């Protein structure tokens, strides 16, 4: 049936050009195309295929980039496996659904505790031979649950609560009162690395007594190339807005020279494993995150900085603040460069730009200080500086 034959168009005057006169071949073809498109979205009874429509809407409104979506879904599968193995949910019953189990919040906490707490689900201390995952990983596990219930099954971000009217549990089971995964631990963001710190690390790692290659002795010493490789990780993670565990997994074939538009023909990891003698090892295995964090913090001690506040997100936070404050990039441009979602309703990027743990660029008491040096705005890049140069 043509659109013009529908009741809502009765009595209306429609203007046609020569190509759209009813009965012409082009008009008939258009009608056939429209009917074909309609049949693709309608079922046998002529009704809209709501399941397909919901699936499309859910896919385009997931609110995260594809890599984050894949990681969350991987953790969701692990959570499903845990609740079935523990006997919380019967086999064949989905834990993540639009109508969660009344104890879903408890099961979520149990899954996170089983991986990240020093106390087991039996109330006893964790076996000293097993290592608990970090607080950051616990946050990612909870975020995956929030995504699974909230986005994939439409429960949103309403806190998990009991309805006063029906007595049933409503909302998102993963949004509840916080529970720390370490006794007395506080969720503290890693302090951002600044361009000044990177500059100090560069000058230290390029000092002759540090970077010159010397004969290997029987004493354990760090190979000079390790220090230079360490700084390469610093710069790449900082400018590419990566966690250092992401930077360590870069392979040689991922590198492309801009002037030649060619990738490396050699395989292996750009930052290979470090041996027990602190020498560069086999390039078929990446450097371990724990080893890099140890050397990074030792490097901070070399330039006289307390390494404790710095962690896995220091380079990503620092790079984000660098592009916002020094390069004057917009939020949309930073998100695009970092591969983050540009759905600003949750403002995830704010946690990278603002943190009480970061060093302030200006002291509060100087905000209205009439004696401070005036700032000058560069007409080329838009940056402002009070250095007077």
Protein backbone atom coordinates (compact mmCIF):
# COMPACT_ATOMS: atom_id res chain seq x y z
CA UNK A 1 0.00 0.00 0.00
CA UNK A 2 1.30 3.42 -0.96
CA UNK A 3 1.89 6.01 1.73
CA UNK A 4 -0.48 8.36 -0.10
CA UNK A 5 -3.36 5.88 0.26
CA UNK A 6 -3.28 6.01 4.07
CA UNK A 7 -6.20 7.77 5.81
CA UNK A 8 -4.17 10.62 7.24
CA UNK A 9 -3.45 11.89 3.72
CA UNK A 10 -7.14 11.89 2.60
CA UNK A 11 -8.26 15.26 1.18
CA UNK A 12 -4.75 16.69 1.07
CA UNK A 13 -3.35 18.20 -2.11
CA UNK A 14 -0.04 16.68 -3.11
CA UNK A 15 2.25 18.34 -5.63
CA UNK A 16 4.08 16.07 -8.01
CA UNK A 17 6.84 16.65 -10.47
CA UNK A 18 7.22 14.75 -13.71
CA UNK A 19 9.30 12.02 -12.06
CA UNK A 20 6.80 11.34 -9.27
CA UNK A 21 3.51 11.16 -11.20
CA UNK A 22 1.56 8.10 -10.02
CA UNK A 23 1.72 5.33 -12.53
CA UNK A 24 5.12 6.33 -13.88
CA UNK A 25 7.87 3.75 -13.85
CA UNK A 26 10.01 5.69 -11.36
CA UNK A 27 7.11 6.10 -8.96
CA UNK A 28 6.29 2.41 -9.19
CA UNK A 29 9.89 1.55 -8.47
CA UNK A 30 9.86 3.82 -5.43
CA UNK A 31 6.72 2.13 -4.16
CA UNK A 32 8.31 -1.28 -4.59
CA UNK A 33 11.43 -0.15 -2.75
CA UNK A 34 9.34 1.28 0.09
CA UNK A 35 7.31 -1.88 0.37
CA UNK A 36 10.50 -3.94 0.44
CA UNK A 37 11.94 -1.73 3.21
CA UNK A 38 8.70 -2.03 5.18
CA UNK A 39 8.72 -5.83 4.96
CA UNK A 40 12.21 -5.87 6.43
CA UNK A 41 11.00 -4.12 9.59
CA UNK A 42 7.60 -5.84 9.88
CA UNK A 43 6.74 -9.38 10.93
CA UNK A 44 4.21 -11.72 9.30
CA UNK A 45 1.28 -9.91 10.93
CA UNK A 46 2.45 -6.52 9.71
CA UNK A 47 3.66 -5.41 13.15
CA UNK A 48 7.00 -3.77 13.80
CA UNK A 49 9.71 -6.24 14.89
CA UNK A 50 10.21 -4.75 18.35
CA UNK A 51 12.97 -7.15 19.39
CA UNK A 52 15.08 -6.15 16.40
CA UNK A 53 14.33 -2.47 17.01
CA UNK A 54 15.33 -2.73 20.67
CA UNK A 55 18.55 -4.52 19.70
CA UNK A 56 19.51 -1.74 17.29
CA UNK A 57 18.74 1.00 19.82
CA UNK A 58 20.67 -0.86 22.54
CA UNK A 59 23.71 -1.21 20.29
CA UNK A 60 23.92 2.44 19.24
CA UNK A 61 23.27 3.77 22.76
CA UNK A 62 25.68 1.58 24.73
CA UNK A 63 27.64 4.70 25.79
CA UNK A 64 31.15 3.16 25.69
CA UNK A 65 33.70 2.48 22.97
CA UNK A 66 33.93 -0.99 21.44
CA UNK A 67 37.02 -2.03 23.41
CA UNK A 68 35.40 -1.13 26.74
CA UNK A 69 32.21 -2.87 25.69
CA UNK A 70 34.18 -6.05 24.91
CA UNK A 71 36.05 -5.90 28.24
CA UNK A 72 32.85 -5.40 30.23
CA UNK A 73 31.17 -8.31 28.45
CA UNK A 74 34.20 -10.51 29.21
CA UNK A 75 33.89 -9.68 32.91
CA UNK A 76 30.14 -10.24 32.76
CA UNK A 77 30.75 -13.78 31.49
CA UNK A 78 33.18 -14.39 34.37
CA UNK A 79 30.58 -13.15 36.84
CA UNK A 80 27.95 -15.44 35.32
CA UNK A 81 30.35 -18.36 35.62
CA UNK A 82 31.09 -17.52 39.27
CA UNK A 83 27.46 -17.29 40.45
CA UNK A 84 26.64 -20.60 38.73
CA UNK A 85 29.72 -22.37 40.11
CA UNK A 86 28.98 -21.07 43.63
CA UNK A 87 25.39 -22.31 43.42
CA UNK A 88 23.87 -18.86 43.82
CA UNK A 89 21.96 -19.15 40.55
CA UNK A 90 20.72 -22.35 38.92
CA UNK A 91 22.39 -23.45 35.71
CA UNK A 92 20.58 -22.16 32.68
CA UNK A 93 19.28 -19.09 34.51
CA UNK A 94 20.85 -15.76 33.53
CA UNK A 95 22.21 -13.71 36.40
CA UNK A 96 22.12 -10.54 34.30
CA UNK A 97 18.51 -9.87 33.33
CA UNK A 98 15.85 -7.18 33.44
CA UNK A 99 14.39 -8.91 36.52
CA UNK A 100 17.41 -9.69 38.73
CA UNK A 101 17.46 -12.10 41.63
CA UNK A 102 16.50 -10.34 44.92
CA UNK A 103 19.98 -11.19 46.24
CA UNK A 104 21.79 -9.96 43.11
CA UNK A 105 23.59 -7.19 45.01
CA UNK A 106 24.95 -9.70 47.53
CA UNK A 107 26.11 -12.00 44.73
CA UNK A 108 27.86 -9.08 43.04
CA UNK A 109 29.77 -8.25 46.23
CA UNK A 110 30.66 -11.92 46.67
CA UNK A 111 32.15 -12.08 43.16
CA UNK A 112 34.27 -8.97 43.76
CA UNK A 113 35.38 -10.24 47.21
CA UNK A 114 36.41 -13.60 45.75
CA UNK A 115 38.91 -11.85 43.48
CA UNK A 116 39.97 -8.70 45.29
CA UNK A 117 39.52 -9.03 49.05
CA UNK A 118 41.98 -10.23 51.66
CA UNK A 119 39.13 -12.15 53.31
CA UNK A 120 37.50 -15.14 51.61
CA UNK A 121 33.79 -15.82 51.40
CA UNK A 122 34.17 -18.19 54.35
CA UNK A 123 35.36 -15.28 56.52
CA UNK A 124 38.93 -16.60 56.73
CA UNK A 125 42.03 -14.71 55.52
CA UNK A 126 43.05 -15.36 51.94
CA UNK A 127 45.67 -18.03 51.30
CA UNK A 128 49.06 -16.23 51.36
CA UNK A 129 50.08 -18.15 48.22
CA UNK A 130 47.32 -16.45 46.22
CA UNK A 131 47.41 -12.78 45.24
CA UNK A 132 44.31 -10.62 45.41
CA UNK A 133 43.52 -8.34 42.49
CA UNK A 134 43.88 -4.60 42.91
CA UNK A 135 41.28 -2.05 43.98
CA UNK A 136 41.31 -0.67 40.43
CA UNK A 137 40.32 -4.10 39.11
CA UNK A 138 37.53 -4.30 41.69
CA UNK A 139 36.21 -0.99 40.41
CA UNK A 140 36.30 -2.34 36.86
CA UNK A 141 34.40 -5.48 37.94
CA UNK A 142 31.71 -3.37 39.53
CA UNK A 143 31.56 -1.09 36.48
CA UNK A 144 31.02 -4.18 34.31
CA UNK A 145 28.09 -5.24 36.50
CA UNK A 146 26.64 -1.74 36.37
CA UNK A 147 26.96 -1.82 32.59
CA UNK A 148 25.41 -5.29 32.35
CA UNK A 149 22.36 -4.50 34.45
CA UNK A 150 22.02 -0.84 33.53
CA UNK A 151 22.81 -0.71 29.82
CA UNK A 152 22.37 -4.22 28.48
CA UNK A 153 19.17 -4.93 30.42
CA UNK A 154 17.73 -1.45 30.75
CA UNK A 155 17.79 -1.03 34.54
CA UNK A 156 19.59 2.32 34.34
CA UNK A 157 21.40 3.90 37.26
CA UNK A 158 18.67 3.80 39.89
CA UNK A 159 20.13 2.48 43.20
CA UNK A 160 19.12 -1.02 44.28
CA UNK A 161 16.26 -0.61 46.74
CA UNK A 162 13.09 -2.25 48.03
CA UNK A 163 9.83 -0.84 46.72
CA UNK A 164 7.55 0.47 49.48
CA UNK A 165 4.53 -0.36 47.33
CA UNK A 166 5.21 -3.88 46.04
CA UNK A 167 7.94 -5.02 48.42
CA UNK A 168 10.09 -6.12 45.46
CA UNK A 169 13.67 -5.09 44.77
CA UNK A 170 14.00 -2.44 42.07
CA UNK A 171 16.86 -0.67 40.34
CA UNK A 172 20.41 -1.65 39.43
CA UNK A 173 21.86 -4.32 41.79
CA UNK A 174 25.42 -3.08 41.35
CA UNK A 175 24.62 0.44 42.56
CA UNK A 176 24.61 0.20 46.31
CA UNK A 177 26.61 1.31 49.33
CA UNK A 178 30.35 1.11 48.64
CA UNK A 179 32.45 -1.67 50.10
CA UNK A 180 36.24 -1.32 50.15
CA UNK A 181 38.12 -4.40 49.04
CA UNK A 182 40.98 -3.72 51.43
CA UNK A 183 40.66 -3.13 55.13
CA UNK A 184 40.81 0.64 55.57
CA UNK A 185 41.63 1.34 51.92
CA UNK A 186 40.26 4.48 50.34
CA UNK A 187 39.56 4.88 46.64
CA UNK A 188 42.30 7.35 45.74
CA UNK A 189 43.09 8.27 42.16
CA UNK A 190 46.69 8.08 41.04
CA UNK A 191 48.42 11.45 40.92
CA UNK A 192 48.89 12.81 37.42
CA UNK A 193 52.32 12.91 35.82
CA UNK A 194 53.22 16.44 34.70
CA UNK A 195 55.40 17.59 31.77
CA UNK A 196 57.93 18.86 34.33
CA UNK A 197 58.26 15.38 35.85
CA UNK A 198 58.73 13.85 32.40
CA UNK A 199 61.43 16.42 31.67
CA UNK A 200 63.24 15.63 34.92
CA UNK A 201 63.06 11.89 34.20
CA UNK A 202 64.39 12.48 30.68
CA UNK A 203 67.41 14.45 31.88
CA UNK A 204 68.19 11.87 34.57
CA UNK A 205 67.91 8.87 32.24
CA UNK A 206 70.18 10.59 29.69
CA UNK A 207 72.99 11.43 32.11
CA UNK A 208 76.31 9.87 30.92
CA UNK A 209 76.75 7.80 34.07
CA UNK A 210 73.26 6.37 33.53
CA UNK A 211 72.94 5.89 29.77
CA UNK A 212 76.51 4.99 28.73
CA UNK A 213 76.96 1.29 28.06
CA UNK A 214 79.63 -0.26 30.29
CA UNK A 215 81.13 -3.76 30.42
CA UNK A 216 78.92 -6.29 32.16
CA UNK A 217 80.25 -7.43 35.52
CA UNK A 218 79.15 -10.22 37.83
CA UNK A 219 77.35 -7.67 39.97
CA UNK A 220 73.70 -7.07 39.30
CA UNK A 221 73.16 -3.78 37.51
CA UNK A 222 70.55 -2.21 35.28
CA UNK A 223 71.38 -2.11 31.57
CA UNK A 224 71.55 1.51 30.32
CA UNK A 225 69.10 0.74 27.52
CA UNK A 226 66.50 -0.19 30.15
CA UNK A 227 66.42 3.39 31.41
CA UNK A 228 65.90 4.75 27.91
CA UNK A 229 63.23 2.14 27.23
CA UNK A 230 61.57 3.08 30.50
CA UNK A 231 61.36 6.70 29.40
CA UNK A 232 59.91 5.64 26.04
CA UNK A 233 57.06 3.96 27.96
CA UNK A 234 56.58 7.17 29.94
CA UNK A 235 56.21 9.35 26.85
CA UNK A 236 54.01 6.95 24.85
CA UNK A 237 51.64 6.34 27.76
CA UNK A 238 51.51 10.08 28.48
CA UNK A 239 50.84 11.29 24.93
CA UNK A 240 48.59 8.40 23.88
CA UNK A 241 46.52 8.50 27.11
CA UNK A 242 47.27 4.87 27.99
CA UNK A 243 47.54 2.95 31.22
CA UNK A 244 51.06 1.62 31.36
CA UNK A 245 49.83 -1.98 31.15
CA UNK A 246 48.32 -1.02 27.77
CA UNK A 247 51.55 0.64 26.64
CA UNK A 248 53.60 -2.44 27.54
CA UNK A 249 51.54 -4.59 25.14
CA UNK A 250 52.44 -2.54 22.05
CA UNK A 251 54.11 -4.75 19.45
CA UNK A 252 56.61 -3.80 16.76
CA UNK A 253 54.11 -4.43 13.98
CA UNK A 254 51.87 -1.79 15.60
CA UNK A 255 54.46 0.91 14.88
CA UNK A 256 54.21 2.83 11.60
CA UNK A 257 56.52 5.56 10.37
CA UNK A 258 54.49 8.53 9.22
CA UNK A 259 56.91 9.48 6.42
CA UNK A 260 56.98 5.97 4.95
CA UNK A 261 53.45 4.74 5.80
CA UNK A 262 54.92 1.33 6.53
CA UNK A 263 54.70 -0.98 9.52
CA UNK A 264 57.61 -2.92 10.93
CA UNK A 265 58.31 -6.29 9.35
CA UNK A 266 59.66 -7.60 12.63
CA UNK A 267 57.53 -9.17 15.33
CA UNK A 268 57.75 -9.08 19.10
CA UNK A 269 56.94 -6.55 21.77
CA UNK A 270 58.28 -3.02 21.72
CA UNK A 271 58.98 -3.23 25.46
CA UNK A 272 60.15 -6.82 26.13
CA UNK A 273 60.48 -8.60 29.43
CA UNK A 274 63.22 -7.69 31.92
CA UNK A 275 65.39 -10.49 33.32
CA UNK A 276 66.28 -11.06 36.97
CA UNK A 277 69.56 -9.19 36.31
CA UNK A 278 67.59 -6.18 35.06
CA UNK A 279 68.63 -6.85 31.47
CA UNK A 280 66.40 -6.67 28.38
CA UNK A 281 65.12 -10.18 27.71
CA UNK A 282 63.08 -12.08 25.14
CA UNK A 283 61.03 -9.81 22.86
CA UNK A 284 58.32 -12.45 22.46
CA UNK A 285 57.10 -11.64 25.98
CA UNK A 286 56.05 -8.17 27.18
CA UNK A 287 57.45 -6.48 30.26
CA UNK A 288 55.34 -7.29 33.31
CA UNK A 289 53.31 -4.46 34.79
CA UNK A 290 54.67 -5.15 38.28
CA UNK A 291 58.25 -4.84 37.02
CA UNK A 292 57.55 -1.60 35.22
CA UNK A 293 55.80 -0.10 38.26
CA UNK A 294 58.80 -1.03 40.42
CA UNK A 295 61.28 0.59 38.00
CA UNK A 296 59.04 3.61 37.46
CA UNK A 297 58.80 4.30 41.18
CA UNK A 298 62.55 3.79 41.57
CA UNK A 299 63.02 6.30 38.76
CA UNK A 300 60.86 8.81 40.66
CA UNK A 301 63.08 8.31 43.70
CA UNK A 302 66.08 9.06 41.47
CA UNK A 303 64.74 12.58 40.85
CA UNK A 304 63.68 13.10 44.46
CA UNK A 305 59.92 12.49 44.23
CA UNK A 306 57.76 10.43 46.59
CA UNK A 307 56.60 7.51 44.39
CA UNK A 308 53.65 6.46 46.55
CA UNK A 309 50.93 8.70 44.98
CA UNK A 310 51.71 7.53 41.43
CA UNK A 311 50.18 4.45 39.86
CA UNK A 312 48.65 2.82 36.80
CA UNK A 313 46.60 5.83 35.67
CA UNK A 314 49.22 8.53 36.33
CA UNK A 315 50.25 8.85 32.69
CA UNK A 316 46.67 8.81 31.37
CA UNK A 317 45.61 11.44 33.92
CA UNK A 318 48.71 13.52 33.25
CA UNK A 319 48.31 13.35 29.48
CA UNK A 320 44.64 14.27 29.73
CA UNK A 321 45.45 17.33 31.85
CA UNK A 322 48.36 18.23 29.56
CA UNK A 323 46.15 18.32 26.47
CA UNK A 324 43.44 20.29 28.31
CA UNK A 325 45.66 22.82 30.13
CA UNK A 326 48.77 23.16 27.95
CA UNK A 327 47.50 22.36 24.46
CA UNK A 328 43.99 23.80 25.03
CA UNK A 329 42.24 20.81 23.47
CA UNK A 330 38.47 20.60 23.80
CA UNK A 331 36.86 17.77 25.79
CA UNK A 332 35.49 16.25 22.61
CA UNK A 333 38.93 16.22 21.01
CA UNK A 334 40.54 14.64 24.09
CA UNK A 335 37.88 11.92 24.19
CA UNK A 336 38.32 11.27 20.49
CA UNK A 337 42.11 10.99 20.86
CA UNK A 338 41.88 8.75 23.94
CA UNK A 339 39.25 6.48 22.39
CA UNK A 340 36.69 7.36 25.06
CA UNK A 341 32.97 7.73 24.70
CA UNK A 342 31.82 11.26 23.87
CA UNK A 343 28.57 10.80 25.78
CA UNK A 344 29.11 13.51 28.37
CA UNK A 345 26.11 12.69 30.55
CA UNK A 346 28.31 10.71 32.96
CA UNK A 347 31.37 13.00 32.53
CA UNK A 348 33.86 10.16 33.04
CA UNK A 349 36.62 12.39 31.72
CA UNK A 350 36.23 14.72 34.72
CA UNK A 351 37.97 12.22 37.01
CA UNK A 352 41.07 12.55 34.83
CA UNK A 353 40.96 16.34 34.65
CA UNK A 354 40.14 17.05 38.30
CA UNK A 355 41.50 15.28 41.38
CA UNK A 356 42.35 16.37 44.90
CA UNK A 357 45.52 14.28 44.71
CA UNK A 358 47.01 16.31 41.86
CA UNK A 359 49.34 19.26 42.32
CA UNK A 360 47.41 22.52 41.70
CA UNK A 361 48.64 24.67 38.83
CA UNK A 362 47.82 27.84 40.81
CA UNK A 363 47.43 28.35 44.54
CA UNK A 364 44.03 29.50 45.74
CA UNK A 365 45.48 32.44 47.67
CA UNK A 366 46.88 33.82 44.40
CA UNK A 367 43.63 33.80 42.45
CA UNK A 368 43.06 37.55 43.11
CA UNK A 369 46.59 38.49 44.11
CA UNK A 370 47.24 41.92 42.52
CA UNK A 371 51.02 41.45 42.83
CA UNK A 372 51.25 38.26 40.80
CA UNK A 373 52.72 38.40 37.31
CA UNK A 374 50.15 39.02 34.57
CA UNK A 375 49.41 36.21 32.17
CA UNK A 376 49.82 36.63 28.45
CA UNK A 377 47.84 34.70 25.88
CA UNK A 378 49.69 33.38 22.85
CA UNK A 379 47.79 34.29 19.66
CA UNK A 380 49.00 31.12 17.94
CA UNK A 381 48.19 28.32 20.40
CA UNK A 382 45.97 30.10 22.93
CA UNK A 383 48.09 29.11 25.94
CA UNK A 384 48.59 31.52 28.84
CA UNK A 385 51.67 31.77 30.97
CA UNK A 386 52.92 34.07 33.76
CA UNK A 387 56.61 33.42 33.12
CA UNK A 388 57.04 36.74 31.28
CA UNK A 389 58.98 35.20 28.39
